[in-house]
């Protein structure tokens, strides 16, 4: 599971990682749209309270893991109430990684979406409101430090190309998996 704030690169990284691992790929935002047959904009309107939205996201995330068991990569859209995902972090088949980057790098990647979830770039608007967005991104980064504290694996993207990020994440995942196996063997001994 790839966690992180908006625009850090979870979806792009997750798609490429799943492709390279030959795993299934799930994007939590897309699963919400599929399950409710609505746009994300409508989902936010129908569930105006963030706690309620994040509870629903946590339930959908749990359902994905239960239904598909293993061999998948999930891009987890922000869930800012840890109780809605913390229990999943301890599952044997789960490797959770928080993707991180600097405010500036996230700002550079930032895109917008309209009411129909069509993604678009508006660099002129973005630049005109840069101070606001940088501050907002910074607040998100500070907030998730507490929310994601149980996610032990952190990966700082540092604006690297996605292929390099994926290659490095594959090494990280391999090492985590090997360590989990060793720990399991020690527990049996």
Protein backbone atom coordinates (compact mmCIF):
# COMPACT_ATOMS: atom_id res chain seq x y z
CA UNK A 1 0.00 0.00 0.00
CA UNK A 2 1.34 3.39 -0.98
CA UNK A 3 0.33 6.21 1.34
CA UNK A 4 1.05 9.92 1.07
CA UNK A 5 -0.49 13.33 0.66
CA UNK A 6 -2.21 14.44 -2.54
CA UNK A 7 0.03 14.88 -5.59
CA UNK A 8 3.01 13.09 -4.03
CA UNK A 9 2.89 10.48 -6.82
CA UNK A 10 1.04 7.48 -5.38
CA UNK A 11 -0.99 6.65 -8.49
CA UNK A 12 1.75 7.03 -11.10
CA UNK A 13 4.25 5.19 -8.91
CA UNK A 14 1.72 2.51 -7.97
CA UNK A 15 0.72 1.81 -11.58
CA UNK A 16 4.34 1.39 -12.68
CA UNK A 17 5.25 -0.65 -9.60
CA UNK A 18 2.31 -3.00 -10.14
CA UNK A 19 3.21 -3.35 -13.81
CA UNK A 20 6.82 -4.22 -12.98
CA UNK A 21 5.82 -6.68 -10.26
CA UNK A 22 3.04 -8.07 -12.48
CA UNK A 23 0.54 -7.36 -9.70
CA UNK A 24 -2.97 -5.96 -9.85
CA UNK A 25 -3.26 -2.22 -9.29
CA UNK A 26 -5.96 -0.44 -7.31
CA UNK A 27 -6.38 3.29 -6.84
CA UNK A 28 -8.58 4.01 -3.83
CA UNK A 29 -10.10 7.07 -5.54
CA UNK A 30 -11.09 4.96 -8.55
CA UNK A 31 -12.55 2.27 -6.29
CA UNK A 32 -14.69 4.91 -4.55
CA UNK A 33 -15.97 6.14 -7.91
CA UNK A 34 -16.67 2.57 -9.04
CA UNK A 35 -18.39 1.49 -5.82
CA UNK A 36 -20.64 4.55 -5.49
CA UNK A 37 -21.00 5.26 -9.24
CA UNK A 38 -20.24 8.94 -8.59
CA UNK A 39 -17.44 11.42 -9.12
CA UNK A 40 -15.06 12.27 -6.28
CA UNK A 41 -16.59 15.75 -6.24
CA UNK A 42 -20.04 14.22 -5.65
CA UNK A 43 -18.60 11.85 -3.03
CA UNK A 44 -17.30 14.88 -1.12
CA UNK A 45 -20.68 16.61 -1.44
CA UNK A 46 -22.60 13.52 -0.32
CA UNK A 47 -20.22 12.99 2.63
CA UNK A 48 -19.31 16.53 3.70
CA UNK A 49 -17.62 15.48 6.94
CA UNK A 50 -14.05 14.30 6.52
CA UNK A 51 -14.31 11.70 9.30
CA UNK A 52 -17.21 10.02 7.51
CA UNK A 53 -15.37 10.06 4.15
CA UNK A 54 -12.21 8.62 5.69
CA UNK A 55 -14.19 5.91 7.47
CA UNK A 56 -15.70 4.89 4.11
CA UNK A 57 -12.25 4.96 2.48
CA UNK A 58 -10.90 2.72 5.25
CA UNK A 59 -13.76 0.24 4.72
CA UNK A 60 -13.17 0.14 0.95
CA UNK A 61 -9.43 -0.34 1.52
CA UNK A 62 -10.13 -3.24 3.88
CA UNK A 63 -12.54 -4.76 1.34
CA UNK A 64 -9.91 -4.58 -1.42
CA UNK A 65 -7.37 -6.37 0.77
CA UNK A 66 -9.87 -9.03 1.90
CA UNK A 67 -11.22 -9.68 -1.59
CA UNK A 68 -7.90 -9.85 -3.41
CA UNK A 69 -5.60 -11.18 -0.64
CA UNK A 70 -2.18 -10.53 -2.19
CA UNK A 71 -0.14 -9.59 -5.27
CA UNK A 72 -1.51 -6.10 -5.58
CA UNK A 73 -0.41 -2.51 -5.24
CA UNK A 74 -2.85 0.00 -3.79
CA UNK A 75 -2.51 3.77 -4.13
CA UNK A 76 -4.23 4.96 -0.96
CA UNK A 77 -5.78 8.40 -1.32
CA UNK A 78 -5.32 10.42 1.87
CA UNK A 79 -7.04 9.00 4.94
CA UNK A 80 -6.35 11.40 7.77
CA UNK A 81 -7.84 9.30 10.57
CA UNK A 82 -5.37 6.52 11.30
CA UNK A 83 -7.93 4.32 13.06
CA UNK A 84 -9.43 3.69 9.62
CA UNK A 85 -6.31 1.91 8.33
CA UNK A 86 -3.93 1.11 11.22
CA UNK A 87 -5.32 -2.43 11.71
CA UNK A 88 -4.43 -3.22 8.09
CA UNK A 89 -0.75 -2.34 8.60
CA UNK A 90 -0.16 -5.45 10.71
CA UNK A 91 -1.57 -7.91 8.20
CA UNK A 92 1.07 -10.38 7.05
CA UNK A 93 0.59 -9.71 3.34
CA UNK A 94 0.67 -5.90 3.69
CA UNK A 95 3.72 -3.78 2.99
CA UNK A 96 2.85 -0.16 3.70
CA UNK A 97 5.09 2.62 2.44
CA UNK A 98 4.58 6.33 2.86
CA UNK A 99 5.76 8.30 -0.16
CA UNK A 100 7.18 11.68 0.78
CA UNK A 101 8.62 14.66 -1.05
CA UNK A 102 9.29 18.35 -0.50
CA UNK A 103 6.60 21.02 -0.75
CA UNK A 104 8.22 22.44 -3.89
CA UNK A 105 8.38 19.09 -5.68
CA UNK A 106 4.78 18.26 -4.82
CA UNK A 107 3.72 21.72 -5.98
CA UNK A 108 5.49 21.13 -9.33
CA UNK A 109 3.50 17.91 -9.84
CA UNK A 110 0.21 19.41 -8.70
CA UNK A 111 -2.78 18.98 -10.99
CA UNK A 112 -6.43 19.90 -10.66
CA UNK A 113 -9.67 18.10 -11.49
CA UNK A 114 -13.05 19.41 -12.54
CA UNK A 115 -16.47 18.35 -11.24
CA UNK A 116 -16.38 15.33 -13.58
CA UNK A 117 -12.95 14.22 -12.27
CA UNK A 118 -11.18 15.20 -15.49
CA UNK A 119 -7.59 15.98 -14.54
CA UNK A 120 -6.05 19.11 -16.00
CA UNK A 121 -3.09 21.41 -15.51
CA UNK A 122 -3.41 25.13 -14.99
CA UNK A 123 0.13 26.35 -14.42
CA UNK A 124 -0.83 30.03 -14.64
CA UNK A 125 -3.44 29.67 -11.89
CA UNK A 126 -1.14 27.45 -9.85
CA UNK A 127 1.73 29.95 -10.04
CA UNK A 128 -0.56 32.87 -9.19
CA UNK A 129 -1.56 31.06 -5.98
CA UNK A 130 1.80 29.42 -5.25
CA UNK A 131 2.16 30.76 -1.71
CA UNK A 132 -1.26 29.40 -0.75
CA UNK A 133 -0.58 25.96 -2.25
CA UNK A 134 2.91 25.67 -0.75
CA UNK A 135 1.47 26.53 2.68
CA UNK A 136 -1.36 24.01 2.18
CA UNK A 137 1.06 21.27 1.12
CA UNK A 138 3.29 22.05 4.11
CA UNK A 139 0.29 21.76 6.46
CA UNK A 140 -0.60 18.38 4.92
CA UNK A 141 2.98 17.14 5.37
CA UNK A 142 3.03 18.24 9.01
CA UNK A 143 -0.40 16.71 9.67
CA UNK A 144 0.41 13.28 8.21
CA UNK A 145 3.54 12.90 10.33
CA UNK A 146 1.21 12.10 13.23
CA UNK A 147 -1.38 10.22 11.17
CA UNK A 148 1.15 8.00 9.39
CA UNK A 149 3.42 7.41 12.40
CA UNK A 150 2.71 3.64 12.43
CA UNK A 151 3.79 3.33 8.81
CA UNK A 152 7.40 2.36 9.43
CA UNK A 153 8.55 2.44 5.82
CA UNK A 154 9.10 5.92 4.40
CA UNK A 155 10.42 6.70 0.93
CA UNK A 156 11.50 10.23 0.03
CA UNK A 157 10.98 10.67 -3.72
CA UNK A 158 13.17 13.80 -3.99
CA UNK A 159 11.73 14.50 -7.46
CA UNK A 160 13.39 11.40 -8.94
CA UNK A 161 12.02 9.98 -12.20
CA UNK A 162 9.18 7.51 -11.60
CA UNK A 163 11.16 4.59 -13.08
CA UNK A 164 13.98 5.19 -10.60
CA UNK A 165 11.48 5.48 -7.74
CA UNK A 166 9.89 2.17 -8.76
CA UNK A 167 13.25 0.39 -9.01
CA UNK A 168 14.24 1.65 -5.57
CA UNK A 169 10.85 0.73 -4.09
CA UNK A 170 11.23 -2.80 -5.45
CA UNK A 171 14.47 -3.13 -3.45
CA UNK A 172 12.77 -1.68 -0.36
CA UNK A 173 9.83 -4.10 -0.71
CA UNK A 174 12.18 -7.05 -1.24
CA UNK A 175 14.11 -6.16 1.93
CA UNK A 176 10.91 -5.72 3.94
CA UNK A 177 9.61 -9.09 2.74
CA UNK A 178 12.89 -10.85 3.55
CA UNK A 179 12.91 -9.30 7.04
CA UNK A 180 9.29 -10.35 7.63
CA UNK A 181 10.17 -13.94 6.64
CA UNK A 182 13.20 -13.97 8.95
CA UNK A 183 11.15 -12.60 11.83
CA UNK A 184 8.47 -15.23 11.25
CA UNK A 185 11.11 -17.99 11.27
CA UNK A 186 12.59 -16.66 14.54
CA UNK A 187 9.13 -16.65 16.10
CA UNK A 188 8.67 -20.30 15.13
CA UNK A 189 12.02 -21.28 16.68
